[in-house]
Amino acid sequence: MKKRWLKLPLSLLLLCFLLFTTTRQARADSIISKGQVIGIFVAVAAVGAAIGVGIYFAVRQPPSITGCARSTPNGVSLLNEGDQKTYMLMGDTALLKTDERVKIKGKKKKDSSGKPTFLVDKISKDYGACKLATTTP
């Protein structure tokens, strides 16, 4: 599953290799037309764009936040160590333990009142118990 992201870049590399390694004997009387030159530039630009998009999707990571999970009357919240904002957690929070320092992946959102929320896709890492007790607003 982890090597799945390699398929696109490797197949693009193979395609480039096949396109640029085909050989033909050159003839002195052959002239390349303007349309062929434009076609070559378009093909090179398309391959470059495809490689760029492939690399972008291969290295892109979903947003994640790290902090201590706290139980609140409205559910579970987490104080993000990165931006010092408290996020109400939604989604797959059943496996979260309160008073544990965790790293979770998902999507940052805002609720209807404008407060930051985080839609949890998965718990990336559990670092154990929180070191300091912090209060959540």
C-alpha atoms as a PDB file:
ATOM      1  CA  MET A   1       0.000   0.000   0.000  1.00  0.00           C
ATOM      2  CA  LYS A   2       2.852   2.402   0.814  1.00  0.00           C
ATOM      3  CA  LYS A   3       4.518   1.839  -2.581  1.00  0.00           C
ATOM      4  CA  ARG A   4       1.321   2.674  -4.462  1.00  0.00           C
ATOM      5  CA  TRP A   5       2.398   6.293  -4.931  1.00  0.00           C
ATOM      6  CA  LEU A   6       5.438   5.079  -6.889  1.00  0.00           C
ATOM      7  CA  LYS A   7       3.363   3.712  -9.783  1.00  0.00           C
ATOM      8  CA  LEU A   8       2.687   7.028 -11.527  1.00  0.00           C
ATOM      9  CA  PRO A   9       6.238   8.450 -11.390  1.00  0.00           C
ATOM     10  CA  LEU A  10       7.751   5.127 -12.420  1.00  0.00           C
ATOM     11  CA  SER A  11       5.347   4.675 -15.320  1.00  0.00           C
ATOM     12  CA  LEU A  12       6.040   8.260 -16.471  1.00  0.00           C
ATOM     13  CA  LEU A  13       9.766   7.591 -16.276  1.00  0.00           C
ATOM     14  CA  LEU A  14       9.341   4.414 -18.320  1.00  0.00           C
ATOM     15  CA  LEU A  15       7.263   6.279 -20.912  1.00  0.00           C
ATOM     16  CA  CYS A  16       9.916   9.010 -21.215  1.00  0.00           C
ATOM     17  CA  PHE A  17      12.616   6.382 -21.531  1.00  0.00           C
ATOM     18  CA  LEU A  18      10.742   4.609 -24.324  1.00  0.00           C
ATOM     19  CA  LEU A  19       9.917   7.829 -26.163  1.00  0.00           C
ATOM     20  CA  PHE A  20      13.416   9.251 -26.119  1.00  0.00           C
ATOM     21  CA  THR A  21      15.397   6.059 -26.731  1.00  0.00           C
ATOM     22  CA  THR A  22      13.764   4.962 -29.967  1.00  0.00           C
ATOM     23  CA  THR A  23      16.291   5.400 -32.724  1.00  0.00           C
ATOM     24  CA  ARG A  24      16.047   5.751 -36.460  1.00  0.00           C
ATOM     25  CA  GLN A  25      18.780   6.178 -38.948  1.00  0.00           C
ATOM     26  CA  ALA A  26      19.068   9.854 -39.809  1.00  0.00           C
ATOM     27  CA  ARG A  27      18.765  10.869 -43.442  1.00  0.00           C
ATOM     28  CA  ALA A  28      20.324  14.003 -44.775  1.00  0.00           C
ATOM     29  CA  ASP A  29      17.350  14.801 -46.988  1.00  0.00           C
ATOM     30  CA  SER A  30      14.726  14.683 -44.247  1.00  0.00           C
ATOM     31  CA  ILE A  31      13.432  18.050 -43.097  1.00  0.00           C
ATOM     32  CA  ILE A  32      11.477  18.539 -39.891  1.00  0.00           C
ATOM     33  CA  SER A  33       8.337  20.531 -40.446  1.00  0.00           C
ATOM     34  CA  LYS A  34       7.111  23.365 -38.234  1.00  0.00           C
ATOM     35  CA  GLY A  35       4.174  21.170 -37.113  1.00  0.00           C
ATOM     36  CA  GLN A  36       6.549  18.433 -35.968  1.00  0.00           C
ATOM     37  CA  VAL A  37       8.593  20.916 -33.942  1.00  0.00           C
ATOM     38  CA  ILE A  38       5.440  22.241 -32.278  1.00  0.00           C
ATOM     39  CA  GLY A  39       4.321  18.665 -31.580  1.00  0.00           C
ATOM     40  CA  ILE A  40       7.642  17.875 -29.920  1.00  0.00           C
ATOM     41  CA  PHE A  41       7.425  20.958 -27.683  1.00  0.00           C
ATOM     42  CA  VAL A  42       3.820  20.139 -26.738  1.00  0.00           C
ATOM     43  CA  ALA A  43       4.781  16.544 -25.900  1.00  0.00           C
ATOM     44  CA  VAL A  44       7.735  17.653 -23.768  1.00  0.00           C
ATOM     45  CA  ALA A  45       5.561  20.208 -21.945  1.00  0.00           C
ATOM     46  CA  ALA A  46       2.831  17.601 -21.332  1.00  0.00           C
ATOM     47  CA  VAL A  47       5.322  15.074 -19.956  1.00  0.00           C
ATOM     48  CA  GLY A  48       6.858  17.749 -17.718  1.00  0.00           C
ATOM     49  CA  ALA A  49       3.438  18.783 -16.415  1.00  0.00           C
ATOM     50  CA  ALA A  50       2.494  15.142 -15.773  1.00  0.00           C
ATOM     51  CA  ILE A  51       5.713  14.556 -13.850  1.00  0.00           C
ATOM     52  CA  GLY A  52       5.121  17.716 -11.793  1.00  0.00           C
ATOM     53  CA  VAL A  53       1.560  16.683 -10.925  1.00  0.00           C
ATOM     54  CA  GLY A  54       2.747  13.166 -10.063  1.00  0.00           C
ATOM     55  CA  ILE A  55       5.422  14.488  -7.745  1.00  0.00           C
ATOM     56  CA  TYR A  56       2.942  16.858  -6.087  1.00  0.00           C
ATOM     57  CA  PHE A  57       0.509  14.037  -5.296  1.00  0.00           C
ATOM     58  CA  ALA A  58       3.316  11.707  -4.228  1.00  0.00           C
ATOM     59  CA  VAL A  59       4.742  14.051  -1.580  1.00  0.00           C
ATOM     60  CA  ARG A  60       1.544  15.807  -0.488  1.00  0.00           C
ATOM     61  CA  GLN A  61       0.530  15.041   3.084  1.00  0.00           C
ATOM     62  CA  PRO A  62      -2.859  15.612   4.690  1.00  0.00           C
ATOM     63  CA  PRO A  63      -3.037  18.232   7.461  1.00  0.00           C
ATOM     64  CA  SER A  64      -2.181  16.967  10.908  1.00  0.00           C
ATOM     65  CA  ILE A  65      -2.187  18.443  14.401  1.00  0.00           C
ATOM     66  CA  THR A  66      -0.405  17.334  17.551  1.00  0.00           C
ATOM     67  CA  GLY A  67      -1.443  18.059  21.105  1.00  0.00           C
ATOM     68  CA  CYS A  68      -3.237  16.833  24.208  1.00  0.00           C
ATOM     69  CA  ALA A  69      -6.768  15.504  23.838  1.00  0.00           C
ATOM     70  CA  ARG A  70      -9.170  16.832  26.470  1.00  0.00           C
ATOM     71  CA  SER A  71     -12.724  15.920  27.346  1.00  0.00           C
ATOM     72  CA  THR A  72     -15.176  18.845  27.270  1.00  0.00           C
ATOM     73  CA  PRO A  73     -18.950  19.022  27.763  1.00  0.00           C
ATOM     74  CA  ASN A  74     -19.295  19.292  23.947  1.00  0.00           C
ATOM     75  CA  GLY A  75     -17.018  16.339  23.123  1.00  0.00           C
ATOM     76  CA  VAL A  76     -13.270  15.985  22.704  1.00  0.00           C
ATOM     77  CA  SER A  77     -10.960  18.945  22.045  1.00  0.00           C
ATOM     78  CA  LEU A  78      -7.262  19.210  21.279  1.00  0.00           C
ATOM     79  CA  LEU A  79      -4.863  22.116  21.879  1.00  0.00           C
ATOM     80  CA  ASN A  80      -2.624  22.172  18.809  1.00  0.00           C
ATOM     81  CA  GLU A  81       1.027  22.653  19.736  1.00  0.00           C
ATOM     82  CA  GLY A  82       1.720  24.250  16.349  1.00  0.00           C
ATOM     83  CA  ASP A  83      -0.683  27.203  16.263  1.00  0.00           C
ATOM     84  CA  GLN A  84      -1.846  27.154  19.922  1.00  0.00           C
ATOM     85  CA  LYS A  85      -5.506  26.908  18.850  1.00  0.00           C
ATOM     86  CA  THR A  86      -8.009  24.625  20.527  1.00  0.00           C
ATOM     87  CA  TYR A  87      -9.843  22.443  18.017  1.00  0.00           C
ATOM     88  CA  MET A  88     -13.087  20.593  18.693  1.00  0.00           C
ATOM     89  CA  LEU A  89     -12.604  17.114  17.242  1.00  0.00           C
ATOM     90  CA  MET A  90     -15.224  15.538  15.006  1.00  0.00           C
ATOM     91  CA  GLY A  91     -15.317  12.303  13.057  1.00  0.00           C
ATOM     92  CA  ASP A  92     -13.442   9.186  14.158  1.00  0.00           C
ATOM     93  CA  THR A  93     -12.739  10.147  17.785  1.00  0.00           C
ATOM     94  CA  ALA A  94     -13.757   6.840  19.407  1.00  0.00           C
ATOM     95  CA  LEU A  95     -10.153   5.621  19.731  1.00  0.00           C
ATOM     96  CA  LEU A  96      -8.892   8.894  21.231  1.00  0.00           C
ATOM     97  CA  LYS A  97      -8.025   8.731  24.906  1.00  0.00           C
ATOM     98  CA  THR A  98      -8.376  11.923  26.917  1.00  0.00           C
ATOM     99  CA  ASP A  99      -5.238  13.322  28.569  1.00  0.00           C
ATOM    100  CA  GLU A 100      -3.088  11.654  25.890  1.00  0.00           C
ATOM    101  CA  ARG A 101      -0.719  13.506  23.562  1.00  0.00           C
ATOM    102  CA  VAL A 102      -1.573  12.447  20.023  1.00  0.00           C
ATOM    103  CA  LYS A 103      -0.933  13.331  16.399  1.00  0.00           C
ATOM    104  CA  ILE A 104      -4.049  13.102  14.245  1.00  0.00           C
ATOM    105  CA  LYS A 105      -4.594  13.511  10.509  1.00  0.00           C
ATOM    106  CA  GLY A 106      -7.687  14.986   8.901  1.00  0.00           C
ATOM    107  CA  LYS A 107      -9.116  18.322   7.778  1.00  0.00           C
ATOM    108  CA  LYS A 108      -9.196  21.708   9.490  1.00  0.00           C
ATOM    109  CA  LYS A 109     -12.632  23.328   9.384  1.00  0.00           C
ATOM    110  CA  LYS A 110     -14.725  25.910  11.218  1.00  0.00           C
ATOM    111  CA  ASP A 111     -18.126  25.247  12.738  1.00  0.00           C
ATOM    112  CA  SER A 112     -21.190  27.423  12.185  1.00  0.00           C
ATOM    113  CA  SER A 113     -20.092  29.846  14.924  1.00  0.00           C
ATOM    114  CA  GLY A 114     -16.584  30.189  13.456  1.00  0.00           C
ATOM    115  CA  LYS A 115     -14.739  28.103  16.060  1.00  0.00           C
ATOM    116  CA  PRO A 116     -11.939  25.893  14.735  1.00  0.00           C
ATOM    117  CA  THR A 117     -12.810  22.205  14.393  1.00  0.00           C
ATOM    118  CA  PHE A 118     -10.832  19.273  13.072  1.00  0.00           C
ATOM    119  CA  LEU A 119     -12.390  16.361  11.198  1.00  0.00           C
ATOM    120  CA  VAL A 120     -10.334  13.336  12.296  1.00  0.00           C
ATOM    121  CA  ASP A 121      -9.496  10.770   9.617  1.00  0.00           C
ATOM    122  CA  LYS A 122      -7.069   8.714  11.701  1.00  0.00           C
ATOM    123  CA  ILE A 123      -4.840   8.778  14.740  1.00  0.00           C
ATOM    124  CA  SER A 124      -1.326   8.961  13.345  1.00  0.00           C
ATOM    125  CA  LYS A 125       0.611   8.512  16.589  1.00  0.00           C
ATOM    126  CA  ASP A 126      -0.048   8.265  20.328  1.00  0.00           C
ATOM    127  CA  TYR A 127       2.790   9.756  22.360  1.00  0.00           C
ATOM    128  CA  GLY A 128       1.398   8.727  25.769  1.00  0.00           C
ATOM    129  CA  ALA A 129       0.180  10.785  28.681  1.00  0.00           C
ATOM    130  CA  CYS A 130       0.270  14.587  28.546  1.00  0.00           C
ATOM    131  CA  LYS A 131       3.120  16.125  30.521  1.00  0.00           C
ATOM    132  CA  LEU A 132       1.351  19.240  31.785  1.00  0.00           C
ATOM    133  CA  ALA A 133      -2.318  19.660  32.569  1.00  0.00           C
ATOM    134  CA  THR A 134      -3.729  22.524  30.515  1.00  0.00           C
ATOM    135  CA  THR A 135      -7.181  23.971  30.677  1.00  0.00           C
ATOM    136  CA  THR A 136      -9.346  24.336  27.621  1.00  0.00           C
ATOM    137  CA  PRO A 137     -11.632  27.300  27.138  1.00  0.00           C
END
